[in-house]
Protein backbone atom coordinates (compact mmCIF):
# COMPACT_ATOMS: atom_id res chain seq x y z
CA MET A 1 61.79 -190.20 11.35
CA LEU A 2 62.80 -186.92 13.27
CA ASN A 3 60.97 -184.64 10.38
CA ALA A 4 57.69 -186.77 11.09
CA ILE A 5 57.96 -186.50 14.54
CA GLY A 6 58.61 -183.03 14.16
CA ALA A 7 55.85 -182.24 11.93
CA ALA A 8 53.43 -184.13 14.25
CA ALA A 9 54.55 -182.28 17.58
CA ARG A 10 54.34 -178.98 15.58
CA LYS A 11 50.53 -179.51 14.42
CA ALA A 12 49.78 -180.79 17.83
CA SER A 13 51.21 -177.78 19.48
CA TYR A 14 48.73 -175.73 17.27
CA ARG A 15 45.66 -177.38 19.14
CA LEU A 16 47.40 -177.45 22.57
CA SER A 17 47.95 -173.63 22.62
CA ILE A 18 44.27 -173.15 22.46
CA ALA A 19 43.35 -175.96 24.66
CA THR A 20 41.32 -175.18 27.83
CA SER A 21 42.64 -175.66 31.32
CA GLN A 22 39.96 -178.30 31.79
CA GLU A 23 41.16 -179.99 28.83
CA LYS A 24 44.45 -180.08 30.02
CA ASN A 25 43.57 -181.27 33.37
CA ASP A 26 41.15 -183.91 32.15
CA ALA A 27 44.08 -185.45 30.22
CA LEU A 28 46.53 -185.31 33.06
CA ASN A 29 44.02 -187.02 35.34
CA LEU A 30 43.54 -189.73 32.77
CA ILE A 31 47.64 -190.19 32.56
CA ALA A 32 47.86 -190.24 36.33
CA ARG A 33 45.06 -192.96 36.29
CA GLU A 34 46.68 -194.99 33.17
CA LEU A 35 50.12 -195.13 35.09
CA THR A 36 48.52 -196.47 38.34
CA ASP A 37 46.41 -199.07 36.37
CA PRO A 38 47.65 -202.61 37.85
CA ARG A 39 47.98 -203.98 34.04
CA ARG A 40 49.57 -200.89 32.93
CA MET A 41 52.07 -200.63 36.26
CA GLU A 42 53.01 -204.32 35.63
CA GLU A 43 54.03 -203.75 32.25
CA ILE A 44 56.12 -200.58 33.20
CA LEU A 45 57.74 -202.76 35.96
CA ALA A 46 58.62 -205.46 33.64
CA ALA A 47 60.19 -203.00 31.32
CA ASN A 48 62.14 -201.23 34.08
CA SER A 49 63.34 -204.79 35.52
CA ALA A 50 64.65 -205.52 31.81
CA ASP A 51 66.50 -202.01 32.09
CA ILE A 52 67.80 -202.94 35.38
CA ALA A 53 69.14 -206.18 34.45
CA ALA A 54 70.82 -204.81 31.57
CA GLY A 55 72.23 -201.80 33.42
CA ARG A 56 73.98 -204.03 35.91
CA GLU A 57 75.60 -205.94 33.00
CA ALA A 58 77.13 -203.25 31.82
CA GLY A 59 78.41 -202.11 35.10
CA LEU A 60 76.35 -199.08 35.84
CA SER A 61 77.04 -197.84 39.40
CA PRO A 62 74.39 -198.02 42.40
CA SER A 63 73.74 -194.40 42.14
CA LEU A 64 72.92 -194.64 38.57
CA LEU A 65 71.03 -197.79 38.94
CA ASP A 66 68.94 -196.07 41.75
CA ARG A 67 68.06 -193.23 39.31
CA LEU A 68 66.80 -196.10 36.79
CA LEU A 69 64.94 -197.92 39.31
CA LEU A 70 61.20 -197.75 39.41
CA THR A 71 59.13 -199.31 42.06
CA PRO A 72 55.17 -199.16 42.66
CA ASP A 73 55.65 -196.51 44.85
CA ARG A 74 57.96 -194.50 42.80
CA ILE A 75 54.96 -194.84 39.60
CA ARG A 76 52.47 -193.69 42.20
CA GLU A 77 54.63 -190.90 43.01
CA ILE A 78 55.15 -189.76 39.53
CA ALA A 79 51.52 -190.22 38.82
CA ASP A 80 50.35 -188.13 41.79
CA ALA A 81 53.07 -185.41 40.36
CA ALA A 82 51.23 -185.31 37.20
CA ALA A 83 47.79 -185.30 38.88
CA PHE A 84 49.00 -182.44 41.19
CA LEU A 85 49.39 -180.15 38.21
CA THR A 86 45.62 -180.02 37.91
CA GLY A 87 45.57 -177.90 40.93
CA LEU A 88 48.21 -175.67 39.69
CA ALA A 89 47.08 -172.21 37.95
CA ASP A 90 47.40 -172.50 34.21
CA PRO A 91 49.84 -170.02 33.01
CA VAL A 92 48.69 -169.64 29.41
CA GLY A 93 46.48 -166.80 28.50
CA ARG A 94 47.60 -164.93 31.74
CA ILE A 95 47.98 -161.14 31.26
CA ASP A 96 50.98 -159.99 32.62
CA SER A 97 50.59 -156.29 32.17
CA GLY A 98 48.31 -153.99 30.16
CA TRP A 99 48.22 -150.55 29.19
CA THR A 100 47.11 -147.94 26.65
CA ALA A 101 49.90 -146.18 24.60
CA ALA A 102 49.56 -142.46 23.52
CA GLN A 103 47.92 -143.65 20.32
CA GLY A 104 45.28 -144.74 21.93
CA ILE A 105 46.05 -148.48 21.44
CA ALA A 106 45.50 -150.96 24.21
CA ILE A 107 48.44 -153.19 24.75
CA GLU A 108 48.19 -156.49 26.61
CA LYS A 109 51.48 -158.51 27.13
CA ARG A 110 50.00 -162.41 27.28
CA ARG A 111 51.45 -165.79 28.53
CA VAL A 112 51.47 -168.09 25.55
CA PRO A 113 53.50 -171.61 25.27
CA LEU A 114 56.65 -172.11 23.92
CA GLY A 115 55.36 -174.37 21.20
CA VAL A 116 57.34 -177.78 20.72
CA ILE A 117 59.62 -178.51 23.30
CA ALA A 118 62.59 -181.16 22.88
CA MET A 119 63.81 -182.96 26.01
CA ILE A 120 67.20 -184.93 25.99
CA TYR A 121 68.04 -186.64 29.04
CA GLU A 122 69.54 -189.71 30.42
CA ALA A 123 68.54 -192.68 33.00
CA ARG A 124 65.91 -191.02 34.63
CA PRO A 125 62.46 -192.51 33.66
CA ASN A 126 60.74 -190.28 35.83
CA VAL A 127 61.53 -187.52 33.82
CA THR A 128 59.52 -188.85 30.70
CA VAL A 129 56.51 -188.39 32.93
CA ASP A 130 57.59 -185.17 34.58
CA ALA A 131 58.51 -183.46 31.36
CA ALA A 132 55.37 -184.69 29.30
CA ALA A 133 52.99 -183.42 32.32
CA LEU A 134 54.63 -180.30 32.54
CA CYS A 135 54.61 -179.67 28.86
CA LEU A 136 50.92 -180.62 28.72
CA LYS A 137 49.54 -178.37 31.17
CA SER A 138 51.51 -175.35 29.66
CA GLY A 139 50.34 -176.10 26.23
CA ASN A 140 53.35 -177.39 24.76
CA ALA A 141 53.81 -180.23 22.68
CA VAL A 142 57.10 -182.52 23.69
CA ILE A 143 59.42 -184.58 21.90
CA LEU A 144 61.34 -187.08 24.33
CA ARG A 145 64.63 -188.74 24.30
CA GLY A 146 65.92 -190.50 27.00
CA GLY A 147 69.09 -192.49 27.41
CA LYS A 148 69.48 -196.14 26.11
CA GLU A 149 69.83 -197.16 29.84
CA ALA A 150 66.25 -196.48 30.17
CA ILE A 151 64.76 -197.15 26.63
CA ARG A 152 62.53 -199.95 27.59
CA SER A 153 61.00 -198.01 30.80
CA ASN A 154 60.81 -194.96 28.77
CA ILE A 155 58.65 -196.62 25.96
CA ALA A 156 56.35 -198.26 28.34
CA LEU A 157 55.50 -195.10 30.27
CA ALA A 158 55.27 -192.92 26.65
CA ASN A 159 52.62 -195.71 25.54
CA ALA A 160 50.88 -195.38 28.74
CA MET A 161 50.63 -191.59 28.49
CA ARG A 162 49.74 -191.62 24.76
CA ALA A 163 47.14 -194.43 25.58
CA ALA A 164 45.78 -191.85 28.10
CA LEU A 165 45.61 -189.02 25.54
CA ALA A 166 43.96 -191.38 23.16
CA ASN A 167 40.73 -190.72 25.64
CA SER A 168 41.30 -187.21 25.96
CA ALA A 169 40.32 -183.98 23.92
CA LEU A 170 44.05 -183.61 22.97
CA PRO A 171 46.02 -184.94 20.35
CA VAL A 172 47.90 -188.33 21.14
CA ASP A 173 50.99 -186.79 19.24
CA SER A 174 51.14 -184.11 22.19
CA ILE A 175 53.71 -186.44 23.69
CA GLN A 176 56.16 -188.49 21.31
CA LEU A 177 59.34 -190.52 22.36
CA ILE A 178 62.24 -191.02 20.09
CA GLU A 179 63.25 -194.71 20.34
CA ASP A 180 66.35 -194.42 18.40
CA THR A 181 68.84 -193.74 21.17
CA SER A 182 72.16 -193.50 18.78
CA ARG A 183 74.37 -190.47 19.04
CA GLU A 184 73.34 -189.35 15.41
CA THR A 185 69.73 -188.92 16.17
CA SER A 186 70.42 -187.06 19.25
CA THR A 187 72.51 -184.72 17.28
CA ALA A 188 69.95 -184.30 14.62
CA LEU A 189 67.22 -183.58 17.27
CA MET A 190 69.53 -180.73 18.65
CA ARG A 191 69.44 -179.10 14.76
CA LEU A 192 65.78 -179.66 14.33
CA ASN A 193 65.05 -175.77 14.18
CA ARG A 194 62.35 -176.39 11.55
CA TYR A 195 60.07 -177.54 14.29
CA VAL A 196 61.51 -177.65 17.97
CA ASP A 197 61.41 -174.18 19.73
CA VAL A 198 63.40 -174.85 22.62
CA LEU A 199 65.58 -177.94 23.85
CA ILE A 200 66.17 -178.94 27.33
CA PRO A 201 68.91 -181.22 28.12
CA ARG A 202 68.78 -183.02 31.44
CA GLY A 203 71.88 -185.12 32.79
CA GLY A 204 75.48 -185.02 33.75
CA GLY A 205 78.03 -182.86 32.61
CA GLY A 206 79.00 -184.65 29.39
CA LEU A 207 75.42 -184.60 28.10
CA ILE A 208 74.81 -180.67 28.81
CA ARG A 209 78.48 -179.93 27.02
CA ALA A 210 77.21 -182.05 24.11
CA VAL A 211 74.01 -180.22 23.84
CA VAL A 212 75.53 -176.72 24.17
CA GLU A 213 78.31 -177.18 21.60
CA ASN A 214 76.02 -178.93 18.84
CA ALA A 215 72.52 -177.51 19.24
CA THR A 216 71.37 -174.83 16.67
CA VAL A 217 67.78 -174.61 18.53
CA PRO A 218 67.68 -172.47 21.40
CA VAL A 219 68.68 -174.24 24.72
CA ILE A 220 67.96 -174.15 28.32
CA GLU A 221 71.05 -175.49 30.33
CA THR A 222 70.11 -177.37 33.19
CA GLY A 223 71.57 -179.82 35.46
CA VAL A 224 74.79 -180.34 36.77
CA GLY A 225 75.01 -179.65 40.50
CA ASN A 226 78.38 -179.18 42.21
CA CYS A 227 76.55 -177.91 45.30
CA HIS A 228 78.28 -176.79 48.66
CA ILE A 229 77.15 -176.86 52.32
CA TYR A 230 79.35 -174.15 54.21
CA ALA A 231 79.62 -174.33 57.87
CA GLU A 232 80.30 -170.83 59.12
CA LYS A 233 82.04 -170.35 62.64
CA THR A 234 78.62 -169.82 64.43
CA ALA A 235 76.92 -173.05 62.87
CA ASP A 236 74.98 -174.98 65.31
CA PRO A 237 76.80 -178.50 65.34
CA GLU A 238 73.78 -180.70 65.62
CA MET A 239 72.09 -178.81 62.74
CA ALA A 240 75.40 -178.64 60.71
CA VAL A 241 75.60 -182.73 60.92
CA ARG A 242 72.13 -183.28 60.35
CA ILE A 243 71.85 -181.09 57.30
CA THR A 244 75.08 -182.31 55.69
CA VAL A 245 74.25 -186.03 56.46
CA ASN A 246 70.96 -185.40 54.41
CA ALA A 247 72.31 -183.23 51.69
CA LYS A 248 74.59 -185.68 50.79
CA CYS A 249 73.20 -189.06 51.68
CA SER A 250 69.61 -188.77 51.40
CA ARG A 251 69.61 -189.35 47.67
CA PRO A 252 73.25 -188.88 46.36
CA SER A 253 72.50 -189.40 42.59
CA VAL A 254 70.64 -186.36 42.03
CA CYS A 255 71.76 -182.94 41.07
CA ASN A 256 70.70 -181.15 44.14
CA ALA A 257 72.93 -183.64 46.59
CA ALA A 258 75.87 -181.68 48.29
CA GLU A 259 79.27 -182.72 46.69
CA THR A 260 81.57 -180.36 48.75
CA LEU A 261 81.62 -179.16 52.32
CA LEU A 262 83.43 -176.17 53.55
CA VAL A 263 84.11 -175.79 57.39
CA ASP A 264 85.27 -172.84 59.11
CA ARG A 265 88.94 -173.10 60.75
CA GLU A 266 87.67 -171.91 64.11
CA ILE A 267 85.06 -174.72 64.43
CA ALA A 268 87.11 -177.67 62.43
CA PRO A 269 88.70 -179.39 65.05
CA THR A 270 85.37 -180.14 66.69
CA LEU A 271 82.76 -180.22 64.04
CA LEU A 272 84.58 -182.06 61.32
CA PRO A 273 84.80 -185.24 63.28
CA ALA A 274 81.27 -185.13 64.04
CA ILE A 275 80.07 -184.65 60.55
CA ALA A 276 82.68 -187.14 59.26
CA ALA A 277 81.14 -189.76 61.90
CA GLY A 278 77.68 -189.04 60.24
CA LEU A 279 78.94 -189.42 56.55
CA TRP A 280 81.00 -192.61 57.53
CA GLU A 281 77.97 -194.04 59.01
CA LYS A 282 76.48 -193.93 55.34
CA ASN A 283 80.15 -195.05 53.58
CA VAL A 284 80.75 -191.89 52.28
CA ILE A 285 84.16 -191.23 50.99
CA LEU A 286 85.86 -188.04 51.71
CA HIS A 287 88.46 -186.40 49.84
CA GLY A 288 89.99 -183.50 51.89
CA CYS A 289 92.50 -180.71 52.10
CA PRO A 290 95.88 -181.26 54.15
CA GLU A 291 94.02 -179.60 57.34
CA THR A 292 91.07 -182.19 56.80
CA VAL A 293 93.78 -185.18 56.73
CA GLN A 294 95.34 -183.86 59.67
CA ILE A 295 91.85 -183.45 61.58
CA LEU A 296 90.43 -186.67 60.43
CA GLY A 297 93.25 -188.87 59.71
CA ASP A 298 94.30 -191.36 57.03
CA ARG A 299 90.94 -192.45 56.38
CA VAL A 300 90.50 -189.09 54.20
CA ILE A 301 91.87 -189.29 50.57
CA PRO A 302 94.06 -186.28 49.86
CA ALA A 303 92.05 -184.03 47.73
CA THR A 304 92.82 -182.79 44.31
CA GLU A 305 92.00 -179.73 42.24
CA GLU A 306 89.68 -182.00 40.48
CA ASP A 307 87.82 -183.35 43.47
CA TYR A 308 86.31 -179.82 44.13
CA ARG A 309 85.12 -179.23 40.57
CA LYS A 310 83.49 -182.88 40.60
CA GLU A 311 79.78 -183.74 40.70
CA TYR A 312 80.12 -187.13 42.46
CA LEU A 313 76.75 -188.44 42.24
CA GLY A 314 77.68 -190.93 44.60
CA TYR A 315 78.77 -191.25 48.19
CA GLU A 316 81.94 -189.13 47.83
CA MET A 317 82.51 -185.58 49.01
CA ALA A 318 85.14 -182.95 49.04
CA VAL A 319 86.10 -181.25 52.05
CA ARG A 320 88.15 -178.28 52.77
CA VAL A 321 88.91 -176.08 55.87
CA VAL A 322 88.54 -172.25 55.27
CA SER A 323 89.55 -169.24 56.96
CA GLY A 324 86.09 -167.66 57.05
CA ILE A 325 83.32 -166.50 55.00
CA GLU A 326 85.34 -164.66 52.51
CA GLU A 327 87.56 -167.81 51.52
CA ALA A 328 84.28 -169.85 51.46
CA ILE A 329 82.45 -167.49 49.08
CA ASP A 330 85.79 -167.42 46.78
CA HIS A 331 86.03 -171.22 46.62
CA ILE A 332 82.15 -171.32 45.83
CA ARG A 333 82.50 -168.79 42.87
CA SER A 334 85.72 -170.51 41.69
CA TYR A 335 84.08 -174.36 41.61
CA SER A 336 80.54 -173.89 41.88
CA SER A 337 78.07 -175.11 38.84
CA GLY A 338 75.63 -172.31 39.79
CA HIS A 339 72.94 -174.99 41.16
CA SER A 340 72.72 -174.46 44.77
CA GLU A 341 74.58 -173.51 47.91
CA ALA A 342 74.16 -173.38 51.80
CA ILE A 343 75.46 -171.40 54.70
CA LEU A 344 74.92 -172.86 58.15
CA THR A 345 75.33 -170.09 60.54
CA ARG A 346 73.76 -168.10 63.49
CA ASP A 347 75.10 -164.80 62.49
CA LEU A 348 72.36 -162.93 60.52
CA ALA A 349 75.11 -160.50 58.86
CA ALA A 350 77.01 -163.71 57.38
CA ALA A 351 73.82 -165.09 56.17
CA GLU A 352 73.12 -161.80 54.37
CA GLN A 353 76.63 -161.65 53.13
CA PHE A 354 76.77 -165.20 51.73
CA THR A 355 72.85 -164.66 50.03
CA ALA A 356 74.15 -161.59 48.50
CA SER A 357 77.61 -162.68 47.30
CA ILE A 358 76.75 -166.04 45.94
CA ASP A 359 75.21 -166.11 42.41
CA SER A 360 73.62 -169.69 42.23
CA ALA A 361 70.24 -170.43 41.26
CA ALA A 362 69.22 -171.22 44.82
CA VAL A 363 70.89 -169.91 47.89
CA TYR A 364 70.11 -171.54 51.36
CA VAL A 365 70.41 -170.54 55.00
CA ASN A 366 70.43 -173.48 57.56
CA ALA A 367 68.40 -175.73 55.36
CA SER A 368 69.63 -178.75 53.05
CA THR A 369 70.42 -178.21 49.47
CA ARG A 370 67.96 -181.22 48.87
CA PHE A 371 65.27 -178.76 48.70
CA THR A 372 65.98 -177.53 45.08
CA ASP A 373 63.17 -179.31 43.41
CA GLY A 374 59.88 -178.27 41.41
CA GLY A 375 57.80 -180.13 43.81
CA GLN A 376 59.59 -179.05 47.13
CA PHE A 377 59.16 -175.40 45.87
CA GLY A 378 55.33 -175.79 45.38
CA PHE A 379 55.44 -175.94 41.23
CA GLY A 380 54.53 -179.51 41.11
CA ALA A 381 56.90 -181.63 38.85
CA GLU A 382 59.78 -179.81 37.24
CA ILE A 383 60.95 -180.23 33.90
CA GLY A 384 64.88 -179.75 35.10
CA ILE A 385 67.02 -177.02 37.26
CA SER A 386 68.17 -174.23 35.10
CA THR A 387 71.47 -173.00 36.18
CA GLN A 388 71.79 -170.38 33.43
CA LYS A 389 70.33 -166.75 33.50
CA LEU A 390 68.41 -166.02 30.35
CA HIS A 391 64.69 -166.56 30.48
CA ALA A 392 64.50 -169.08 33.34
CA ARG A 393 66.69 -169.84 36.45
CA GLY A 394 66.07 -172.48 39.09
CA PRO A 395 63.39 -174.79 39.21
CA LEU A 396 61.48 -175.14 35.64
CA GLY A 397 57.74 -174.91 36.48
CA LEU A 398 54.86 -174.25 34.34
CA PRO A 399 55.21 -170.18 34.17
CA GLU A 400 58.82 -170.85 32.81
CA LEU A 401 57.45 -173.28 30.05
CA THR A 402 55.58 -170.24 28.46
CA SER A 403 56.64 -167.13 26.76
CA VAL A 404 54.87 -163.78 25.71
CA LYS A 405 53.22 -162.00 23.08
CA TYR A 406 51.76 -158.76 22.50
CA VAL A 407 48.08 -158.22 21.46
CA ILE A 408 47.14 -154.77 20.44
CA ARG A 409 43.62 -153.52 19.86
CA GLY A 410 42.80 -150.27 18.18
CA ASN A 411 40.33 -148.38 16.55
CA GLY A 412 41.90 -147.35 13.29
CA GLN A 413 45.34 -145.97 14.23
CA ILE A 414 47.70 -145.89 11.60
CA ARG A 415 51.31 -144.54 11.56
């Protein structure tokens, strides 16, 4: 089954590699219209309702159910994100640089699609469309393998997109979904070197580790977000409360939500109670160091070493009082997953020290970590947030889904 899917994807990738921007944009517009067609939306919502019911029965947490949930508004947002890509520059065929070598040969460094991209992801049905749309615009065929919790939703979404492609100039097999959600099939996909050029996992730490440890195809590692907010001693108190509550609570189930709050000792006695009040209003459980417990009282759970490493993905947060910026930087270096970190400060020197010293994909000054997102960065939908350093880092937009090749023109030169 996987070989058949892989072969079909490879064949589709050849056509996609020479597709015009207009052909790709037309296909994306067809997908957006198909997803928002009333009959199709009804099918998608019915499938999602079945997934939600099964998830509740299986005891999924509220945050996971939120990730899984589709509503008419969310479907329209997904469709809009696909259509938005039509207004972005097509990276395929772009000449990054060109020069004439000493031999007289003319060399061009040209952007080309990666080829066949496989996606393994968890209970996020929006990823099904986001990934497919980005791959399509960047000239790549995609093989999608979502989690069992969202399988009905994913099938409905994939069927809608393939129906749209049937009315386009592009191959229907540009987008394929693996309906078998067994671990064996997932592992086999990780080793489908004959057909898959790049594998991108998107999900929790367990999924990422499984892919990194088992894959033989090249992997772009994404996802795990142990993100930090650091309130430096000159931080504006009102801003600190607003940003921390937003970073933790606006959507706690996503990878750019803040999981740890660090506060300078000098301002902790006054700032921590204000921030805690805002978090407690949202029913956030706090795990704190001894100083945090001393300031905030018994409502705080004493933090363990593991609490500072945890990606909670829910209404929980670790808190630590630090002696200053050096200790904050040391803490982040020790515990961060390399996703997103923020400093809240009115001191330019502190901001510069923090941004220079913190080696994460996104580093913020006086802004919420929740902005680490392809749409917020102006990339359109994203395929994931890369936390590695090779090839691509941060939100993976269209340019990051291409590679390069060299086109050389001569007039008879030999070596």
